[in-house]
């Protein structure tokens, strides 16, 4: 279970690099502590013993276009 979480964090960092997105809040763990959750992301954890997962991303304000980064496939809990 922890390995899937690590893949998700690496995937999001790769997506960030692909689109050259620079956000000062995007440091460390994207979902915890909750007070420092990364902006433009929503995280959820259905089970307290499982780390929260990225369930949605809002890149609408970045003016992105083109193809979707391949690493998006590793965000296995992504809903929208």
PDB file of N, CA and C in Angstrom:
ATOM      1  N   UNK A   1       0.822  -1.194   0.000  1.00  0.00           N
ATOM      2  CA  UNK A   1       0.000   0.000   0.000  1.00  0.00           C
ATOM      3  C   UNK A   1       0.867   1.260   0.000  1.00  0.00           C
ATOM      4  N   UNK A   2       1.898   1.293   0.806  1.00  0.00           N
ATOM      5  CA  UNK A   2       2.788   2.449   0.890  1.00  0.00           C
ATOM      6  C   UNK A   2       3.497   2.682  -0.447  1.00  0.00           C
ATOM      7  N   UNK A   3       3.843   1.614  -1.149  1.00  0.00           N
ATOM      8  CA  UNK A   3       4.521   1.737  -2.434  1.00  0.00           C
ATOM      9  C   UNK A   3       3.652   2.485  -3.440  1.00  0.00           C
ATOM     10  N   UNK A   4       2.352   2.204  -3.463  1.00  0.00           N
ATOM     11  CA  UNK A   4       1.435   2.915  -4.355  1.00  0.00           C
ATOM     12  C   UNK A   4       1.433   4.404  -4.053  1.00  0.00           C
ATOM     13  N   UNK A   5       1.489   4.750  -2.768  1.00  0.00           N
ATOM     14  CA  UNK A   5       1.509   6.149  -2.357  1.00  0.00           C
ATOM     15  C   UNK A   5       2.778   6.830  -2.864  1.00  0.00           C
ATOM     16  N   UNK A   6       3.912   6.160  -2.716  1.00  0.00           N
ATOM     17  CA  UNK A   6       5.186   6.713  -3.177  1.00  0.00           C
ATOM     18  C   UNK A   6       5.147   6.939  -4.689  1.00  0.00           C
ATOM     19  N   UNK A   7       4.601   5.981  -5.439  1.00  0.00           N
ATOM     20  CA  UNK A   7       4.466   6.149  -6.890  1.00  0.00           C
ATOM     21  C   UNK A   7       3.610   7.372  -7.226  1.00  0.00           C
ATOM     22  N   UNK A   8       2.554   7.589  -6.468  1.00  0.00           N
ATOM     23  CA  UNK A   8       1.673   8.725  -6.720  1.00  0.00           C
ATOM     24  C   UNK A   8       2.404  10.047  -6.499  1.00  0.00           C
ATOM     25  N   UNK A   9       3.192  10.134  -5.443  1.00  0.00           N
ATOM     26  CA  UNK A   9       3.944  11.365  -5.171  1.00  0.00           C
ATOM     27  C   UNK A   9       4.973  11.605  -6.274  1.00  0.00           C
ATOM     28  N   UNK A  10       5.693  10.568  -6.660  1.00  0.00           N
ATOM     29  CA  UNK A  10       6.679  10.693  -7.741  1.00  0.00           C
ATOM     30  C   UNK A  10       5.981  11.095  -9.041  1.00  0.00           C
ATOM     31  N   UNK A  11       4.848  10.473  -9.318  1.00  0.00           N
ATOM     32  CA  UNK A  11       4.099  10.795 -10.535  1.00  0.00           C
ATOM     33  C   UNK A  11       3.693  12.262 -10.546  1.00  0.00           C
ATOM     34  N   UNK A  12       3.188  12.757  -9.417  1.00  0.00           N
ATOM     35  CA  UNK A  12       2.759  14.150  -9.390  1.00  0.00           C
ATOM     36  C   UNK A  12       3.947  15.092  -9.557  1.00  0.00           C
ATOM     37  N   UNK A  13       5.074  14.767  -8.969  1.00  0.00           N
ATOM     38  CA  UNK A  13       6.273  15.589  -9.143  1.00  0.00           C
ATOM     39  C   UNK A  13       6.704  15.589 -10.614  1.00  0.00           C
ATOM     40  N   UNK A  14       6.573  14.454 -11.290  1.00  0.00           N
ATOM     41  CA  UNK A  14       6.897  14.383 -12.719  1.00  0.00           C
ATOM     42  C   UNK A  14       5.921  15.211 -13.550  1.00  0.00           C
ATOM     43  N   UNK A  15       4.647  15.172 -13.185  1.00  0.00           N
ATOM     44  CA  UNK A  15       3.641  15.987 -13.869  1.00  0.00           C
ATOM     45  C   UNK A  15       3.973  17.468 -13.677  1.00  0.00           C
ATOM     46  N   UNK A  16       4.329  17.817 -12.467  1.00  0.00           N
ATOM     47  CA  UNK A  16       4.721  19.193 -12.162  1.00  0.00           C
ATOM     48  C   UNK A  16       5.898  19.623 -13.042  1.00  0.00           C
ATOM     49  N   UNK A  17       6.886  18.770 -13.187  1.00  0.00           N
ATOM     50  CA  UNK A  17       8.058  19.083 -14.012  1.00  0.00           C
ATOM     51  C   UNK A  17       7.693  19.151 -15.497  1.00  0.00           C
ATOM     52  N   UNK A  18       6.842  18.230 -15.959  1.00  0.00           N
ATOM     53  CA  UNK A  18       6.434  18.206 -17.364  1.00  0.00           C
ATOM     54  C   UNK A  18       5.802  19.527 -17.782  1.00  0.00           C
ATOM     55  N   UNK A  19       4.925  20.051 -16.936  1.00  0.00           N
ATOM     56  CA  UNK A  19       4.220  21.291 -17.258  1.00  0.00           C
ATOM     57  C   UNK A  19       4.920  22.537 -16.722  1.00  0.00           C
ATOM     58  N   UNK A  20       6.076  22.327 -16.092  1.00  0.00           N
ATOM     59  CA  UNK A  20       6.860  23.438 -15.518  1.00  0.00           C
ATOM     60  C   UNK A  20       6.024  24.278 -14.563  1.00  0.00           C
ATOM     61  N   UNK A  21       5.310  23.606 -13.688  1.00  0.00           N
ATOM     62  CA  UNK A  21       4.478  24.279 -12.695  1.00  0.00           C
ATOM     63  C   UNK A  21       5.307  24.554 -11.446  1.00  0.00           C
ATOM     64  N   UNK A  22       5.374  25.794 -11.054  1.00  0.00           N
ATOM     65  CA  UNK A  22       6.143  26.177  -9.872  1.00  0.00           C
ATOM     66  C   UNK A  22       5.194  26.713  -8.807  1.00  0.00           C
ATOM     67  N   UNK A  23       5.045  25.969  -7.750  1.00  0.00           N
ATOM     68  CA  UNK A  23       4.212  26.401  -6.630  1.00  0.00           C
ATOM     69  C   UNK A  23       5.024  26.221  -5.357  1.00  0.00           C
ATOM     70  N   UNK A  24       5.123  27.262  -4.557  1.00  0.00           N
ATOM     71  CA  UNK A  24       5.892  27.149  -3.315  1.00  0.00           C
ATOM     72  C   UNK A  24       5.232  26.195  -2.333  1.00  0.00           C
ATOM     73  N   UNK A  25       3.931  26.011  -2.444  1.00  0.00           N
ATOM     74  CA  UNK A  25       3.243  25.102  -1.511  1.00  0.00           C
ATOM     75  C   UNK A  25       3.468  23.633  -1.861  1.00  0.00           C
ATOM     76  N   UNK A  26       4.013  23.355  -3.036  1.00  0.00           N
ATOM     77  CA  UNK A  26       4.205  21.970  -3.467  1.00  0.00           C
ATOM     78  C   UNK A  26       5.544  21.436  -2.989  1.00  0.00           C
ATOM     79  N   UNK A  27       5.647  21.218  -1.704  1.00  0.00           N
ATOM     80  CA  UNK A  27       6.856  20.687  -1.076  1.00  0.00           C
ATOM     81  C   UNK A  27       6.460  19.539  -0.160  1.00  0.00           C
ATOM     82  N   UNK A  28       7.272  18.520  -0.080  1.00  0.00           N
ATOM     83  CA  UNK A  28       6.999  17.411   0.834  1.00  0.00           C
ATOM     84  C   UNK A  28       5.817  16.575   0.393  1.00  0.00           C
ATOM     85  N   UNK A  29       5.057  16.102   1.348  1.00  0.00           N
ATOM     86  CA  UNK A  29       3.900  15.248   1.097  1.00  0.00           C
ATOM     87  C   UNK A  29       2.730  16.102   0.609  1.00  0.00           C
ATOM     88  N   UNK A  30       2.074  15.730  -0.493  1.00  0.00           N
ATOM     89  CA  UNK A  30       0.995  16.556  -1.029  1.00  0.00           C
ATOM     90  C   UNK A  30      -0.273  16.585  -0.180  1.00  0.00           C
ATOM     91  N   UNK A  31      -0.476  15.589   0.683  1.00  0.00           N
ATOM     92  CA  UNK A  31      -1.750  15.475   1.399  1.00  0.00           C
ATOM     93  C   UNK A  31      -1.666  15.644   2.917  1.00  0.00           C
ATOM     94  N   UNK A  32      -0.503  15.536   3.494  1.00  0.00           N
ATOM     95  CA  UNK A  32      -0.380  15.664   4.954  1.00  0.00           C
ATOM     96  C   UNK A  32       0.846  16.482   5.316  1.00  0.00           C
ATOM     97  N   UNK A  33       0.824  17.187   6.415  1.00  0.00           N
ATOM     98  CA  UNK A  33      -0.355  17.380   7.247  1.00  0.00           C
ATOM     99  C   UNK A  33      -1.421  18.171   6.489  1.00  0.00           C
ATOM    100  N   UNK A  34      -2.641  17.953   6.853  1.00  0.00           N
ATOM    101  CA  UNK A  34      -3.777  18.529   6.136  1.00  0.00           C
ATOM    102  C   UNK A  34      -3.666  20.058   6.011  1.00  0.00           C
ATOM    103  N   UNK A  35      -3.153  20.697   7.046  1.00  0.00           N
ATOM    104  CA  UNK A  35      -3.006  22.155   7.031  1.00  0.00           C
ATOM    105  C   UNK A  35      -2.058  22.611   5.918  1.00  0.00           C
ATOM    106  N   UNK A  36      -1.114  21.766   5.544  1.00  0.00           N
ATOM    107  CA  UNK A  36      -0.138  22.097   4.508  1.00  0.00           C
ATOM    108  C   UNK A  36      -0.381  21.350   3.200  1.00  0.00           C
ATOM    109  N   UNK A  37      -1.609  20.871   3.003  1.00  0.00           N
ATOM    110  CA  UNK A  37      -1.939  20.168   1.768  1.00  0.00           C
ATOM    111  C   UNK A  37      -1.667  21.096   0.578  1.00  0.00           C
ATOM    112  N   UNK A  38      -1.150  20.535  -0.485  1.00  0.00           N
ATOM    113  CA  UNK A  38      -0.798  21.333  -1.654  1.00  0.00           C
ATOM    114  C   UNK A  38      -2.030  22.009  -2.244  1.00  0.00           C
ATOM    115  N   UNK A  39      -1.860  23.236  -2.713  1.00  0.00           N
ATOM    116  CA  UNK A  39      -2.964  23.929  -3.369  1.00  0.00           C
ATOM    117  C   UNK A  39      -3.265  23.245  -4.701  1.00  0.00           C
ATOM    118  N   UNK A  40      -4.486  23.374  -5.148  1.00  0.00           N
ATOM    119  CA  UNK A  40      -4.977  22.818  -6.415  1.00  0.00           C
ATOM    120  C   UNK A  40      -5.165  21.304  -6.389  1.00  0.00           C
ATOM    121  N   UNK A  41      -5.032  20.687  -5.224  1.00  0.00           N
ATOM    122  CA  UNK A  41      -5.250  19.245  -5.073  1.00  0.00           C
ATOM    123  C   UNK A  41      -6.308  19.002  -4.017  1.00  0.00           C
ATOM    124  N   UNK A  42      -7.002  17.890  -4.151  1.00  0.00           N
ATOM    125  CA  UNK A  42      -7.867  17.388  -3.091  1.00  0.00           C
ATOM    126  C   UNK A  42      -7.418  15.976  -2.780  1.00  0.00           C
ATOM    127  N   UNK A  43      -7.367  15.679  -1.498  1.00  0.00           N
ATOM    128  CA  UNK A  43      -6.925  14.361  -1.053  1.00  0.00           C
ATOM    129  C   UNK A  43      -8.010  13.728  -0.199  1.00  0.00           C
ATOM    130  N   UNK A  44      -7.999  12.418  -0.161  1.00  0.00           N
ATOM    131  CA  UNK A  44      -8.975  11.690   0.630  1.00  0.00           C
ATOM    132  C   UNK A  44      -8.366  10.397   1.128  1.00  0.00           C
ATOM    133  N   UNK A  45      -8.829   9.981   2.284  1.00  0.00           N
ATOM    134  CA  UNK A  45      -8.430   8.685   2.827  1.00  0.00           C
ATOM    135  C   UNK A  45      -9.658   8.034   3.432  1.00  0.00           C
ATOM    136  N   UNK A  46     -10.094   6.961   2.829  1.00  0.00           N
ATOM    137  CA  UNK A  46     -11.276   6.256   3.311  1.00  0.00           C
ATOM    138  C   UNK A  46     -10.980   5.457   4.572  1.00  0.00           C
ATOM    139  N   UNK A  47      -9.728   5.065   4.730  1.00  0.00           N
ATOM    140  CA  UNK A  47      -9.324   4.234   5.861  1.00  0.00           C
ATOM    141  C   UNK A  47      -8.215   4.970   6.612  1.00  0.00           C
ATOM    142  N   UNK A  48      -8.387   5.213   7.928  1.00  0.00           N
ATOM    143  CA  UNK A  48      -7.379   5.967   8.686  1.00  0.00           C
ATOM    144  C   UNK A  48      -5.967   5.388   8.626  1.00  0.00           C
ATOM    145  N   UNK A  49      -5.831   4.086   8.461  1.00  0.00           N
ATOM    146  CA  UNK A  49      -4.501   3.471   8.433  1.00  0.00           C
ATOM    147  C   UNK A  49      -3.818   3.580   7.066  1.00  0.00           C
ATOM    148  N   UNK A  50      -4.538   4.094   6.077  1.00  0.00           N
ATOM    149  CA  UNK A  50      -4.000   4.245   4.721  1.00  0.00           C
ATOM    150  C   UNK A  50      -3.708   5.730   4.490  1.00  0.00           C
ATOM    151  N   UNK A  51      -2.522   6.065   3.972  1.00  0.00           N
ATOM    152  CA  UNK A  51      -2.216   7.478   3.715  1.00  0.00           C
ATOM    153  C   UNK A  51      -3.237   8.094   2.764  1.00  0.00           C
ATOM    154  N   UNK A  52      -3.558   9.376   2.945  1.00  0.00           N
ATOM    155  CA  UNK A  52      -4.473  10.047   2.014  1.00  0.00           C
ATOM    156  C   UNK A  52      -3.924   9.985   0.595  1.00  0.00           C
ATOM    157  N   UNK A  53      -4.835   9.970  -0.367  1.00  0.00           N
ATOM    158  CA  UNK A  53      -4.463   9.898  -1.784  1.00  0.00           C
ATOM    159  C   UNK A  53      -4.995  11.116  -2.519  1.00  0.00           C
ATOM    160  N   UNK A  54      -4.309  11.498  -3.577  1.00  0.00           N
ATOM    161  CA  UNK A  54      -4.778  12.582  -4.439  1.00  0.00           C
ATOM    162  C   UNK A  54      -5.992  12.068  -5.201  1.00  0.00           C
ATOM    163  N   UNK A  55      -7.142  12.759  -5.034  1.00  0.00           N
ATOM    164  CA  UNK A  55      -8.358  12.328  -5.723  1.00  0.00           C
ATOM    165  C   UNK A  55      -8.795  13.310  -6.807  1.00  0.00           C
ATOM    166  N   UNK A  56      -8.303  14.553  -6.741  1.00  0.00           N
ATOM    167  CA  UNK A  56      -8.614  15.496  -7.816  1.00  0.00           C
ATOM    168  C   UNK A  56      -7.523  16.555  -7.920  1.00  0.00           C
ATOM    169  N   UNK A  57      -7.392  17.066  -9.128  1.00  0.00           N
ATOM    170  CA  UNK A  57      -6.413  18.097  -9.446  1.00  0.00           C
ATOM    171  C   UNK A  57      -7.144  19.185 -10.216  1.00  0.00           C
ATOM    172  N   UNK A  58      -6.878  20.440  -9.892  1.00  0.00           N
ATOM    173  CA  UNK A  58      -7.473  21.552 -10.626  1.00  0.00           C
ATOM    174  C   UNK A  58      -6.360  22.393 -11.243  1.00  0.00           C
ATOM    175  N   UNK A  59      -6.086  22.137 -12.509  1.00  0.00           N
ATOM    176  CA  UNK A  59      -5.071  22.895 -13.237  1.00  0.00           C
ATOM    177  C   UNK A  59      -5.719  23.940 -14.149  1.00  0.00           C
ATOM    178  N   UNK A  60      -6.994  24.234 -13.948  1.00  0.00           N
ATOM    179  CA  UNK A  60      -7.728  25.107 -14.866  1.00  0.00           C
ATOM    180  C   UNK A  60      -7.159  26.520 -14.952  1.00  0.00           C
ATOM    181  N   UNK A  61      -6.491  26.986 -13.928  1.00  0.00           N
ATOM    182  CA  UNK A  61      -5.971  28.354 -13.942  1.00  0.00           C
ATOM    183  C   UNK A  61      -4.574  28.469 -14.550  1.00  0.00           C
ATOM    184  N   UNK A  62      -4.020  27.366 -15.040  1.00  0.00           N
ATOM    185  CA  UNK A  62      -2.653  27.381 -15.551  1.00  0.00           C
ATOM    186  C   UNK A  62      -2.546  27.543 -17.065  1.00  0.00           C
ATOM    187  N   UNK A  63      -3.659  27.527 -17.771  1.00  0.00           N
ATOM    188  CA  UNK A  63      -3.628  27.699 -19.220  1.00  0.00           C
ATOM    189  C   UNK A  63      -2.877  26.600 -19.951  1.00  0.00           C
ATOM    190  N   UNK A  64      -2.976  25.381 -19.455  1.00  0.00           N
ATOM    191  CA  UNK A  64      -2.268  24.262 -20.070  1.00  0.00           C
ATOM    192  C   UNK A  64      -2.971  23.820 -21.348  1.00  0.00           C
ATOM    193  N   UNK A  65      -2.181  23.298 -22.281  1.00  0.00           N
ATOM    194  CA  UNK A  65      -2.747  22.685 -23.480  1.00  0.00           C
ATOM    195  C   UNK A  65      -1.792  21.610 -23.950  1.00  0.00           C
ATOM    196  N   UNK A  66      -2.259  20.786 -24.855  1.00  0.00           N
ATOM    197  CA  UNK A  66      -1.435  19.691 -25.358  1.00  0.00           C
ATOM    198  C   UNK A  66      -1.842  18.365 -24.748  1.00  0.00           C
ATOM    199  N   UNK A  67      -0.917  17.430 -24.777  1.00  0.00           N
ATOM    200  CA  UNK A  67      -1.214  16.081 -24.296  1.00  0.00           C
ATOM    201  C   UNK A  67      -1.119  15.998 -22.776  1.00  0.00           C
ATOM    202  N   UNK A  68      -1.790  15.006 -22.237  1.00  0.00           N
ATOM    203  CA  UNK A  68      -1.755  14.754 -20.797  1.00  0.00           C
ATOM    204  C   UNK A  68      -0.495  13.961 -20.486  1.00  0.00           C
ATOM    205  N   UNK A  69       0.191  14.352 -19.435  1.00  0.00           N
ATOM    206  CA  UNK A  69       1.427  13.673 -19.029  1.00  0.00           C
ATOM    207  C   UNK A  69       1.150  12.200 -18.722  1.00  0.00           C
ATOM    208  N   UNK A  70       2.024  11.313 -19.179  1.00  0.00           N
ATOM    209  CA  UNK A  70       1.861   9.875 -18.960  1.00  0.00           C
ATOM    210  C   UNK A  70       1.779   9.501 -17.487  1.00  0.00           C
ATOM    211  N   UNK A  71       2.445  10.244 -16.630  1.00  0.00           N
ATOM    212  CA  UNK A  71       2.471   9.911 -15.206  1.00  0.00           C
ATOM    213  C   UNK A  71       1.101   9.998 -14.538  1.00  0.00           C
ATOM    214  N   UNK A  72       0.135  10.610 -15.188  1.00  0.00           N
ATOM    215  CA  UNK A  72      -1.205  10.707 -14.611  1.00  0.00           C
ATOM    216  C   UNK A  72      -1.770   9.313 -14.313  1.00  0.00           C
ATOM    217  N   UNK A  73      -1.330   8.294 -15.055  1.00  0.00           N
ATOM    218  CA  UNK A  73      -1.825   6.933 -14.858  1.00  0.00           C
ATOM    219  C   UNK A  73      -1.476   6.380 -13.478  1.00  0.00           C
ATOM    220  N   UNK A  74      -0.451   6.934 -12.831  1.00  0.00           N
ATOM    221  CA  UNK A  74      -0.035   6.436 -11.524  1.00  0.00           C
ATOM    222  C   UNK A  74      -0.800   7.061 -10.365  1.00  0.00           C
ATOM    223  N   UNK A  75      -1.666   8.010 -10.659  1.00  0.00           N
ATOM    224  CA  UNK A  75      -2.530   8.575  -9.625  1.00  0.00           C
ATOM    225  C   UNK A  75      -3.799   7.728  -9.602  1.00  0.00           C
ATOM    226  N   UNK A  76      -3.681   6.568  -9.013  1.00  0.00           N
ATOM    227  CA  UNK A  76      -4.712   5.528  -9.118  1.00  0.00           C
ATOM    228  C   UNK A  76      -6.034   5.887  -8.450  1.00  0.00           C
ATOM    229  N   UNK A  77      -6.048   6.852  -7.559  1.00  0.00           N
ATOM    230  CA  UNK A  77      -7.281   7.239  -6.879  1.00  0.00           C
ATOM    231  C   UNK A  77      -7.925   8.484  -7.487  1.00  0.00           C
ATOM    232  N   UNK A  78      -7.354   8.988  -8.575  1.00  0.00           N
ATOM    233  CA  UNK A  78      -7.849  10.209  -9.198  1.00  0.00           C
ATOM    234  C   UNK A  78      -9.277  10.010  -9.696  1.00  0.00           C
ATOM    235  N   UNK A  79     -10.158  10.934  -9.307  1.00  0.00           N
ATOM    236  CA  UNK A  79     -11.560  10.864  -9.706  1.00  0.00           C
ATOM    237  C   UNK A  79     -11.927  11.948 -10.706  1.00  0.00           C
ATOM    238  N   UNK A  80     -11.260  13.103 -10.609  1.00  0.00           N
ATOM    239  CA  UNK A  80     -11.530  14.194 -11.567  1.00  0.00           C
ATOM    240  C   UNK A  80     -10.374  15.153 -11.595  1.00  0.00           C
TER     241      UNK A  80
END
